[in-house]
Protein backbone atom coordinates (compact mmCIF):
# COMPACT_ATOMS: atom_id res chain seq x y z
CA VAL A 1 6.43 -8.89 14.57
CA CYS A 2 3.88 -9.36 11.78
CA GLU A 3 6.65 -10.07 9.28
CA PHE A 4 8.12 -12.70 11.60
CA VAL A 5 4.74 -14.39 12.01
CA ASN A 6 4.12 -14.22 8.24
CA SER A 7 7.48 -15.81 7.50
CA ARG A 8 6.72 -18.62 9.93
CA LEU A 9 3.37 -19.21 8.26
CA ARG A 10 5.16 -19.83 4.99
CA MET A 11 7.55 -22.28 6.68
CA GLY A 12 5.24 -25.25 6.95
CA VAL A 13 2.44 -24.60 9.41
CA SER A 14 -0.32 -26.58 7.78
CA SER A 15 -2.92 -26.93 10.52
CA MET A 16 -6.09 -24.96 9.78
CA GLU A 17 -6.41 -24.18 13.48
CA ALA A 18 -2.88 -22.75 13.53
CA LYS A 19 -3.60 -20.67 10.43
CA GLY A 20 -6.67 -19.22 12.17
CA SER A 21 -4.51 -18.42 15.19
CA ILE A 22 -1.96 -16.70 12.96
CA SER A 23 -4.69 -14.60 11.38
CA ARG A 24 -5.98 -13.51 14.80
CA ILE A 25 -2.42 -12.77 15.99
CA ARG A 26 -1.83 -10.53 12.95
CA LYS A 27 -5.09 -8.64 13.47
CA CYS A 28 -4.45 -8.20 17.17
CA ILE A 29 -0.91 -6.93 16.66
CA ARG A 30 -2.10 -4.42 14.07
CA HIS A 31 -4.79 -3.25 16.47
CA LEU A 32 -2.30 -2.95 19.33
CA LEU A 33 0.01 -0.85 17.16
CA THR A 34 -2.79 1.67 16.61
CA PHE A 35 -3.47 2.06 20.34
CA GLY A 36 -0.81 4.73 20.73
CA ASP A 37 -2.90 7.21 18.76
CA GLN A 38 -6.06 6.49 20.73
CA ILE A 39 -4.89 6.71 24.33
CA ASP A 40 -5.66 9.76 26.40
CA GLY A 41 -6.24 10.16 30.12
CA GLU A 42 -9.94 9.36 30.03
CA SER A 43 -9.79 6.30 27.79
CA TRP A 44 -6.94 4.51 29.57
CA GLU A 45 -9.28 2.29 31.62
CA PHE A 46 -11.01 1.03 28.49
CA VAL A 47 -7.70 0.45 26.73
CA ALA A 48 -6.32 -1.46 29.71
CA GLU A 49 -9.42 -3.69 29.80
CA ASP A 50 -9.13 -4.32 26.06
CA LEU A 51 -5.45 -5.24 26.46
CA ARG A 52 -6.26 -7.74 29.21
CA LEU A 53 -8.91 -9.39 27.05
CA ARG A 54 -6.71 -9.47 23.95
CA SER A 55 -3.76 -10.87 25.87
CA THR A 56 -5.85 -13.88 26.89
CA PHE A 57 -6.76 -14.66 23.28
CA LEU A 58 -3.22 -13.92 22.10
CA PHE A 59 -1.83 -16.38 24.63
CA CYS A 60 -4.15 -19.13 23.38
CA ASP A 61 -3.42 -18.34 19.73
CA PHE A 62 0.35 -18.25 20.23
CA ASN A 63 0.12 -21.54 22.11
CA ARG A 64 -1.71 -23.20 19.18
CA PHE A 65 0.63 -21.64 16.63
CA ILE A 66 3.76 -22.75 18.48
CA ALA A 67 2.39 -26.27 19.01
CA ALA A 68 1.69 -26.64 15.27
CA SER A 69 5.08 -25.26 14.21
CA PRO A 70 8.06 -27.40 13.22
CA GLU A 71 10.31 -28.29 16.14
CA ASP A 72 13.16 -26.01 15.01
CA GLN A 73 10.79 -23.00 15.00
CA LYS A 74 9.30 -23.47 18.45
CA GLN A 75 12.09 -21.78 20.42
CA PRO A 76 12.19 -18.55 18.33
CA LEU A 77 8.40 -18.34 18.40
CA THR A 78 8.33 -18.86 22.16
CA GLU A 79 10.87 -16.07 22.58
CA LEU A 80 8.79 -13.78 20.35
CA ALA A 81 5.65 -14.50 22.36
CA ASN A 82 7.50 -13.88 25.63
CA LYS A 83 8.79 -10.52 24.37
CA LEU A 84 5.34 -9.49 23.21
CA PHE A 85 3.69 -10.36 26.51
CA HIS A 86 6.48 -8.69 28.46
CA CYS A 87 5.90 -5.48 26.47
CA MET A 88 2.15 -5.72 27.05
CA GLU A 89 2.69 -6.00 30.81
CA GLU A 90 4.67 -2.77 30.86
């Protein structure tokens, strides 16, 4: 996912706001990938709350990133965002 976002950054997203969104998306995805090592029975409530909060910011950041992307990149990025949020819901 990070590689896909990085490649899209190099493909012409010039808005500073979109670049900030991309940076936050990268950081959030890296953080989410480390969750697997941190989850145990007692911490699940805190992890679930953190996921809900992060998903709100991720949604806003993906929305900005997709809006600032070239037209031919919007559909693949939308599909990527949908897959990510679908996985987070499970």
